[in-house]
Protein backbone atom coordinates (compact mmCIF):
# COMPACT_ATOMS: atom_id res chain seq x y z
CA UNK A 1 0.00 0.00 0.00
CA UNK A 2 1.42 3.40 -0.92
CA UNK A 3 2.10 6.23 1.51
CA UNK A 4 -0.63 8.31 -0.13
CA UNK A 5 -3.29 5.63 0.27
CA UNK A 6 -2.19 4.98 3.86
CA UNK A 7 -2.34 8.70 4.65
CA UNK A 8 -5.78 8.97 3.04
CA UNK A 9 -7.18 5.98 4.95
CA UNK A 10 -5.64 7.20 8.21
CA UNK A 11 -7.18 10.64 7.69
CA UNK A 12 -10.60 9.15 6.94
CA UNK A 13 -10.49 6.98 10.08
CA UNK A 14 -9.29 9.93 12.19
CA UNK A 15 -11.95 12.28 10.79
CA UNK A 16 -14.67 9.66 11.23
CA UNK A 17 -13.58 9.13 14.82
CA UNK A 18 -13.74 12.87 15.50
CA UNK A 19 -17.20 13.10 13.93
CA UNK A 20 -18.57 10.00 15.71
CA UNK A 21 -17.24 11.20 19.09
CA UNK A 22 -18.81 14.64 18.57
CA UNK A 23 -15.50 16.50 18.62
CA UNK A 24 -16.42 18.37 15.42
CA UNK A 25 -19.17 20.11 17.41
CA UNK A 26 -17.63 23.18 19.07
CA UNK A 27 -20.41 23.27 21.69
CA UNK A 28 -19.37 19.81 22.91
CA UNK A 29 -15.73 20.86 23.15
CA UNK A 30 -16.59 24.11 24.94
CA UNK A 31 -18.70 22.03 27.35
CA UNK A 32 -15.50 20.28 28.39
CA UNK A 33 -13.95 23.63 29.32
CA UNK A 34 -17.02 24.65 31.38
CA UNK A 35 -15.79 23.00 34.59
CA UNK A 36 -17.89 25.24 36.84
CA UNK A 37 -21.09 24.84 34.81
CA UNK A 38 -22.50 22.01 32.71
CA UNK A 39 -19.21 20.16 32.42
CA UNK A 40 -19.05 17.50 29.68
CA UNK A 41 -16.19 15.03 30.40
CA UNK A 42 -16.51 13.24 27.05
CA UNK A 43 -13.49 15.08 25.54
CA UNK A 44 -11.32 13.64 28.33
CA UNK A 45 -12.55 10.16 27.38
CA UNK A 46 -11.75 10.78 23.71
CA UNK A 47 -8.28 12.05 24.63
CA UNK A 48 -7.73 9.08 26.93
CA UNK A 49 -8.73 6.68 24.15
CA UNK A 50 -6.35 8.42 21.74
CA UNK A 51 -3.55 8.23 24.28
CA UNK A 52 -4.16 4.50 24.82
CA UNK A 53 -4.05 3.80 21.07
CA UNK A 54 -0.88 5.90 20.72
CA UNK A 55 0.84 4.12 23.58
CA UNK A 56 0.10 0.74 22.01
CA UNK A 57 1.41 1.99 18.66
CA UNK A 58 4.63 3.34 20.17
CA UNK A 59 5.08 0.12 22.16
CA UNK A 60 4.68 -2.01 19.00
CA UNK A 61 7.19 0.14 17.10
CA UNK A 62 9.86 0.37 19.83
CA UNK A 63 13.32 -0.64 18.69
CA UNK A 64 12.36 -0.66 15.01
CA UNK A 65 14.30 1.27 12.40
CA UNK A 66 11.51 1.21 9.80
CA UNK A 67 7.72 1.53 9.82
CA UNK A 68 5.44 -1.27 8.66
CA UNK A 69 5.49 0.34 5.19
CA UNK A 70 9.30 0.43 5.13
CA UNK A 71 9.73 4.15 5.81
CA UNK A 72 12.49 5.24 8.20
CA UNK A 73 11.25 5.40 11.80
CA UNK A 74 11.51 8.99 12.95
CA UNK A 75 10.36 9.64 16.49
CA UNK A 76 10.27 13.11 17.98
CA UNK A 77 13.33 14.04 19.95
CA UNK A 78 12.82 15.57 23.36
CA UNK A 79 13.36 19.28 23.19
CA UNK A 80 13.60 22.09 25.62
CA UNK A 81 10.66 24.14 26.77
CA UNK A 82 11.28 27.64 25.46
CA UNK A 83 9.36 30.87 25.04
CA UNK A 84 8.10 30.13 21.50
CA UNK A 85 6.75 26.76 22.67
CA UNK A 86 4.98 28.31 25.67
CA UNK A 87 3.65 31.20 23.57
CA UNK A 88 2.38 28.84 20.91
CA UNK A 89 0.67 26.65 23.49
CA UNK A 90 -1.02 29.69 25.04
CA UNK A 91 -2.24 31.01 21.68
CA UNK A 92 -3.43 27.54 20.68
CA UNK A 93 -5.26 27.06 23.99
CA UNK A 94 -6.92 30.47 23.87
CA UNK A 95 -8.05 29.89 20.28
CA UNK A 96 -9.38 26.45 21.18
CA UNK A 97 -11.20 27.81 24.22
CA UNK A 98 -12.75 30.71 22.31
CA UNK A 99 -13.88 28.77 19.26
CA UNK A 100 -14.23 25.15 20.34
CA UNK A 101 -12.16 24.13 17.31
CA UNK A 102 -8.68 22.77 16.99
CA UNK A 103 -7.03 21.80 13.72
CA UNK A 104 -8.15 18.17 13.26
CA UNK A 105 -11.79 18.61 14.22
CA UNK A 106 -12.02 21.85 12.22
CA UNK A 107 -10.82 20.10 9.07
CA UNK A 108 -13.29 17.26 9.67
CA UNK A 109 -16.09 19.75 10.40
CA UNK A 110 -15.41 21.54 7.10
CA UNK A 111 -17.44 18.76 5.49
CA UNK A 112 -20.55 20.35 7.07
CA UNK A 113 -19.81 23.65 5.27
CA UNK A 114 -20.34 25.65 8.48
CA UNK A 115 -19.11 29.23 7.97
CA UNK A 116 -17.62 29.30 11.49
CA UNK A 117 -15.25 26.51 10.53
CA UNK A 118 -13.99 28.43 7.53
CA UNK A 119 -13.49 31.60 9.59
CA UNK A 120 -11.42 29.52 12.01
CA UNK A 121 -9.40 27.92 9.21
CA UNK A 122 -8.68 31.30 7.58
CA UNK A 123 -7.56 32.69 10.95
CA UNK A 124 -5.41 29.58 11.42
CA UNK A 125 -3.72 30.08 8.05
CA UNK A 126 -3.14 33.78 8.75
CA UNK A 127 -1.57 32.91 12.11
CA UNK A 128 0.64 30.26 10.52
CA UNK A 129 1.73 32.78 7.90
CA UNK A 130 2.58 35.30 10.59
CA UNK A 131 4.74 32.75 12.40
CA UNK A 132 6.53 31.75 9.20
CA UNK A 133 7.09 35.41 8.34
CA UNK A 134 8.49 36.06 11.81
CA UNK A 135 10.79 33.04 11.56
CA UNK A 136 12.05 34.20 8.17
CA UNK A 137 12.77 37.71 9.47
CA UNK A 138 14.44 36.29 12.57
CA UNK A 139 16.73 33.98 10.58
CA UNK A 140 17.53 36.78 8.12
CA UNK A 141 18.47 39.08 10.98
CA UNK A 142 20.80 36.42 12.41
CA UNK A 143 22.56 35.67 9.12
CA UNK A 144 25.63 37.71 8.11
CA UNK A 145 23.91 38.75 4.87
CA UNK A 146 20.91 40.14 6.75
CA UNK A 147 22.85 42.38 9.10
CA UNK A 148 23.17 46.04 8.48
CA UNK A 149 26.49 47.85 8.70
CA UNK A 150 27.88 47.77 12.19
C-alpha atoms as a PDB file:
ATOM      1  CA  UNK A   1       0.000   0.000   0.000  1.00  0.00           C
ATOM      2  CA  UNK A   2       1.418   3.403  -0.919  1.00  0.00           C
ATOM      3  CA  UNK A   3       2.104   6.232   1.512  1.00  0.00           C
ATOM      4  CA  UNK A   4      -0.628   8.310  -0.125  1.00  0.00           C
ATOM      5  CA  UNK A   5      -3.290   5.626   0.274  1.00  0.00           C
ATOM      6  CA  UNK A   6      -2.187   4.980   3.863  1.00  0.00           C
ATOM      7  CA  UNK A   7      -2.345   8.697   4.653  1.00  0.00           C
ATOM      8  CA  UNK A   8      -5.782   8.970   3.043  1.00  0.00           C
ATOM      9  CA  UNK A   9      -7.176   5.979   4.951  1.00  0.00           C
ATOM     10  CA  UNK A  10      -5.644   7.204   8.214  1.00  0.00           C
ATOM     11  CA  UNK A  11      -7.182  10.639   7.694  1.00  0.00           C
ATOM     12  CA  UNK A  12     -10.595   9.145   6.943  1.00  0.00           C
ATOM     13  CA  UNK A  13     -10.487   6.979  10.079  1.00  0.00           C
ATOM     14  CA  UNK A  14      -9.290   9.934  12.186  1.00  0.00           C
ATOM     15  CA  UNK A  15     -11.951  12.279  10.792  1.00  0.00           C
ATOM     16  CA  UNK A  16     -14.672   9.664  11.233  1.00  0.00           C
ATOM     17  CA  UNK A  17     -13.579   9.129  14.822  1.00  0.00           C
ATOM     18  CA  UNK A  18     -13.743  12.867  15.497  1.00  0.00           C
ATOM     19  CA  UNK A  19     -17.199  13.099  13.934  1.00  0.00           C
ATOM     20  CA  UNK A  20     -18.569  10.003  15.712  1.00  0.00           C
ATOM     21  CA  UNK A  21     -17.242  11.204  19.087  1.00  0.00           C
ATOM     22  CA  UNK A  22     -18.812  14.642  18.570  1.00  0.00           C
ATOM     23  CA  UNK A  23     -15.500  16.495  18.620  1.00  0.00           C
ATOM     24  CA  UNK A  24     -16.419  18.372  15.420  1.00  0.00           C
ATOM     25  CA  UNK A  25     -19.167  20.108  17.410  1.00  0.00           C
ATOM     26  CA  UNK A  26     -17.632  23.185  19.073  1.00  0.00           C
ATOM     27  CA  UNK A  27     -20.409  23.269  21.694  1.00  0.00           C
ATOM     28  CA  UNK A  28     -19.374  19.808  22.906  1.00  0.00           C
ATOM     29  CA  UNK A  29     -15.726  20.857  23.147  1.00  0.00           C
ATOM     30  CA  UNK A  30     -16.595  24.105  24.937  1.00  0.00           C
ATOM     31  CA  UNK A  31     -18.704  22.034  27.348  1.00  0.00           C
ATOM     32  CA  UNK A  32     -15.501  20.275  28.394  1.00  0.00           C
ATOM     33  CA  UNK A  33     -13.954  23.629  29.323  1.00  0.00           C
ATOM     34  CA  UNK A  34     -17.018  24.651  31.379  1.00  0.00           C
ATOM     35  CA  UNK A  35     -15.790  22.996  34.586  1.00  0.00           C
ATOM     36  CA  UNK A  36     -17.894  25.243  36.839  1.00  0.00           C
ATOM     37  CA  UNK A  37     -21.093  24.836  34.814  1.00  0.00           C
ATOM     38  CA  UNK A  38     -22.500  22.013  32.706  1.00  0.00           C
ATOM     39  CA  UNK A  39     -19.206  20.165  32.416  1.00  0.00           C
ATOM     40  CA  UNK A  40     -19.053  17.501  29.683  1.00  0.00           C
ATOM     41  CA  UNK A  41     -16.190  15.034  30.399  1.00  0.00           C
ATOM     42  CA  UNK A  42     -16.507  13.238  27.047  1.00  0.00           C
ATOM     43  CA  UNK A  43     -13.488  15.078  25.544  1.00  0.00           C
ATOM     44  CA  UNK A  44     -11.324  13.636  28.334  1.00  0.00           C
ATOM     45  CA  UNK A  45     -12.554  10.158  27.379  1.00  0.00           C
ATOM     46  CA  UNK A  46     -11.747  10.782  23.707  1.00  0.00           C
ATOM     47  CA  UNK A  47      -8.280  12.054  24.628  1.00  0.00           C
ATOM     48  CA  UNK A  48      -7.728   9.078  26.932  1.00  0.00           C
ATOM     49  CA  UNK A  49      -8.725   6.682  24.147  1.00  0.00           C
ATOM     50  CA  UNK A  50      -6.352   8.423  21.739  1.00  0.00           C
ATOM     51  CA  UNK A  51      -3.547   8.229  24.284  1.00  0.00           C
ATOM     52  CA  UNK A  52      -4.161   4.500  24.823  1.00  0.00           C
ATOM     53  CA  UNK A  53      -4.053   3.800  21.073  1.00  0.00           C
ATOM     54  CA  UNK A  54      -0.880   5.902  20.717  1.00  0.00           C
ATOM     55  CA  UNK A  55       0.841   4.121  23.584  1.00  0.00           C
ATOM     56  CA  UNK A  56       0.103   0.740  22.007  1.00  0.00           C
ATOM     57  CA  UNK A  57       1.410   1.992  18.659  1.00  0.00           C
ATOM     58  CA  UNK A  58       4.626   3.343  20.174  1.00  0.00           C
ATOM     59  CA  UNK A  59       5.079   0.123  22.156  1.00  0.00           C
ATOM     60  CA  UNK A  60       4.679  -2.007  19.004  1.00  0.00           C
ATOM     61  CA  UNK A  61       7.187   0.139  17.098  1.00  0.00           C
ATOM     62  CA  UNK A  62       9.857   0.372  19.828  1.00  0.00           C
ATOM     63  CA  UNK A  63      13.316  -0.637  18.693  1.00  0.00           C
ATOM     64  CA  UNK A  64      12.364  -0.662  15.007  1.00  0.00           C
ATOM     65  CA  UNK A  65      14.300   1.270  12.404  1.00  0.00           C
ATOM     66  CA  UNK A  66      11.509   1.214   9.804  1.00  0.00           C
ATOM     67  CA  UNK A  67       7.724   1.526   9.818  1.00  0.00           C
ATOM     68  CA  UNK A  68       5.439  -1.272   8.662  1.00  0.00           C
ATOM     69  CA  UNK A  69       5.489   0.342   5.193  1.00  0.00           C
ATOM     70  CA  UNK A  70       9.300   0.427   5.132  1.00  0.00           C
ATOM     71  CA  UNK A  71       9.725   4.148   5.806  1.00  0.00           C
ATOM     72  CA  UNK A  72      12.487   5.241   8.204  1.00  0.00           C
ATOM     73  CA  UNK A  73      11.249   5.395  11.796  1.00  0.00           C
ATOM     74  CA  UNK A  74      11.509   8.990  12.949  1.00  0.00           C
ATOM     75  CA  UNK A  75      10.356   9.640  16.488  1.00  0.00           C
ATOM     76  CA  UNK A  76      10.267  13.114  17.985  1.00  0.00           C
ATOM     77  CA  UNK A  77      13.335  14.045  19.954  1.00  0.00           C
ATOM     78  CA  UNK A  78      12.817  15.569  23.356  1.00  0.00           C
ATOM     79  CA  UNK A  79      13.364  19.279  23.192  1.00  0.00           C
ATOM     80  CA  UNK A  80      13.601  22.088  25.623  1.00  0.00           C
ATOM     81  CA  UNK A  81      10.664  24.144  26.773  1.00  0.00           C
ATOM     82  CA  UNK A  82      11.283  27.639  25.457  1.00  0.00           C
ATOM     83  CA  UNK A  83       9.360  30.873  25.041  1.00  0.00           C
ATOM     84  CA  UNK A  84       8.098  30.132  21.497  1.00  0.00           C
ATOM     85  CA  UNK A  85       6.749  26.763  22.673  1.00  0.00           C
ATOM     86  CA  UNK A  86       4.981  28.314  25.668  1.00  0.00           C
ATOM     87  CA  UNK A  87       3.654  31.200  23.573  1.00  0.00           C
ATOM     88  CA  UNK A  88       2.378  28.839  20.906  1.00  0.00           C
ATOM     89  CA  UNK A  89       0.665  26.651  23.494  1.00  0.00           C
ATOM     90  CA  UNK A  90      -1.019  29.687  25.044  1.00  0.00           C
ATOM     91  CA  UNK A  91      -2.245  31.015  21.683  1.00  0.00           C
ATOM     92  CA  UNK A  92      -3.428  27.540  20.676  1.00  0.00           C
ATOM     93  CA  UNK A  93      -5.264  27.056  23.986  1.00  0.00           C
ATOM     94  CA  UNK A  94      -6.920  30.474  23.869  1.00  0.00           C
ATOM     95  CA  UNK A  95      -8.055  29.892  20.285  1.00  0.00           C
ATOM     96  CA  UNK A  96      -9.380  26.452  21.177  1.00  0.00           C
ATOM     97  CA  UNK A  97     -11.200  27.810  24.223  1.00  0.00           C
ATOM     98  CA  UNK A  98     -12.747  30.708  22.309  1.00  0.00           C
ATOM     99  CA  UNK A  99     -13.884  28.768  19.261  1.00  0.00           C
ATOM    100  CA  UNK A 100     -14.226  25.146  20.345  1.00  0.00           C
ATOM    101  CA  UNK A 101     -12.165  24.127  17.313  1.00  0.00           C
ATOM    102  CA  UNK A 102      -8.675  22.767  16.995  1.00  0.00           C
ATOM    103  CA  UNK A 103      -7.033  21.803  13.724  1.00  0.00           C
ATOM    104  CA  UNK A 104      -8.146  18.173  13.257  1.00  0.00           C
ATOM    105  CA  UNK A 105     -11.789  18.611  14.217  1.00  0.00           C
ATOM    106  CA  UNK A 106     -12.017  21.852  12.221  1.00  0.00           C
ATOM    107  CA  UNK A 107     -10.816  20.098   9.071  1.00  0.00           C
ATOM    108  CA  UNK A 108     -13.287  17.257   9.675  1.00  0.00           C
ATOM    109  CA  UNK A 109     -16.090  19.745  10.401  1.00  0.00           C
ATOM    110  CA  UNK A 110     -15.408  21.544   7.098  1.00  0.00           C
ATOM    111  CA  UNK A 111     -17.443  18.765   5.486  1.00  0.00           C
ATOM    112  CA  UNK A 112     -20.553  20.348   7.065  1.00  0.00           C
ATOM    113  CA  UNK A 113     -19.810  23.651   5.266  1.00  0.00           C
ATOM    114  CA  UNK A 114     -20.339  25.651   8.479  1.00  0.00           C
ATOM    115  CA  UNK A 115     -19.112  29.235   7.967  1.00  0.00           C
ATOM    116  CA  UNK A 116     -17.618  29.305  11.494  1.00  0.00           C
ATOM    117  CA  UNK A 117     -15.246  26.513  10.535  1.00  0.00           C
ATOM    118  CA  UNK A 118     -13.989  28.428   7.528  1.00  0.00           C
ATOM    119  CA  UNK A 119     -13.491  31.600   9.586  1.00  0.00           C
ATOM    120  CA  UNK A 120     -11.420  29.521  12.013  1.00  0.00           C
ATOM    121  CA  UNK A 121      -9.400  27.924   9.209  1.00  0.00           C
ATOM    122  CA  UNK A 122      -8.681  31.300   7.580  1.00  0.00           C
ATOM    123  CA  UNK A 123      -7.559  32.686  10.954  1.00  0.00           C
ATOM    124  CA  UNK A 124      -5.414  29.583  11.419  1.00  0.00           C
ATOM    125  CA  UNK A 125      -3.722  30.082   8.048  1.00  0.00           C
ATOM    126  CA  UNK A 126      -3.140  33.780   8.753  1.00  0.00           C
ATOM    127  CA  UNK A 127      -1.572  32.908  12.106  1.00  0.00           C
ATOM    128  CA  UNK A 128       0.640  30.255  10.518  1.00  0.00           C
ATOM    129  CA  UNK A 129       1.734  32.776   7.898  1.00  0.00           C
ATOM    130  CA  UNK A 130       2.580  35.301  10.592  1.00  0.00           C
ATOM    131  CA  UNK A 131       4.735  32.752  12.398  1.00  0.00           C
ATOM    132  CA  UNK A 132       6.531  31.750   9.197  1.00  0.00           C
ATOM    133  CA  UNK A 133       7.087  35.409   8.342  1.00  0.00           C
ATOM    134  CA  UNK A 134       8.491  36.058  11.810  1.00  0.00           C
ATOM    135  CA  UNK A 135      10.790  33.042  11.562  1.00  0.00           C
ATOM    136  CA  UNK A 136      12.055  34.195   8.173  1.00  0.00           C
ATOM    137  CA  UNK A 137      12.766  37.708   9.469  1.00  0.00           C
ATOM    138  CA  UNK A 138      14.444  36.287  12.571  1.00  0.00           C
ATOM    139  CA  UNK A 139      16.729  33.976  10.578  1.00  0.00           C
ATOM    140  CA  UNK A 140      17.535  36.777   8.119  1.00  0.00           C
ATOM    141  CA  UNK A 141      18.470  39.081  10.979  1.00  0.00           C
ATOM    142  CA  UNK A 142      20.799  36.424  12.414  1.00  0.00           C
ATOM    143  CA  UNK A 143      22.555  35.671   9.119  1.00  0.00           C
ATOM    144  CA  UNK A 144      25.631  37.709   8.113  1.00  0.00           C
ATOM    145  CA  UNK A 145      23.910  38.751   4.874  1.00  0.00           C
ATOM    146  CA  UNK A 146      20.906  40.137   6.751  1.00  0.00           C
ATOM    147  CA  UNK A 147      22.845  42.380   9.096  1.00  0.00           C
ATOM    148  CA  UNK A 148      23.171  46.038   8.481  1.00  0.00           C
ATOM    149  CA  UNK A 149      26.489  47.845   8.699  1.00  0.00           C
ATOM    150  CA  UNK A 150      27.878  47.770  12.195  1.00  0.00           C
END
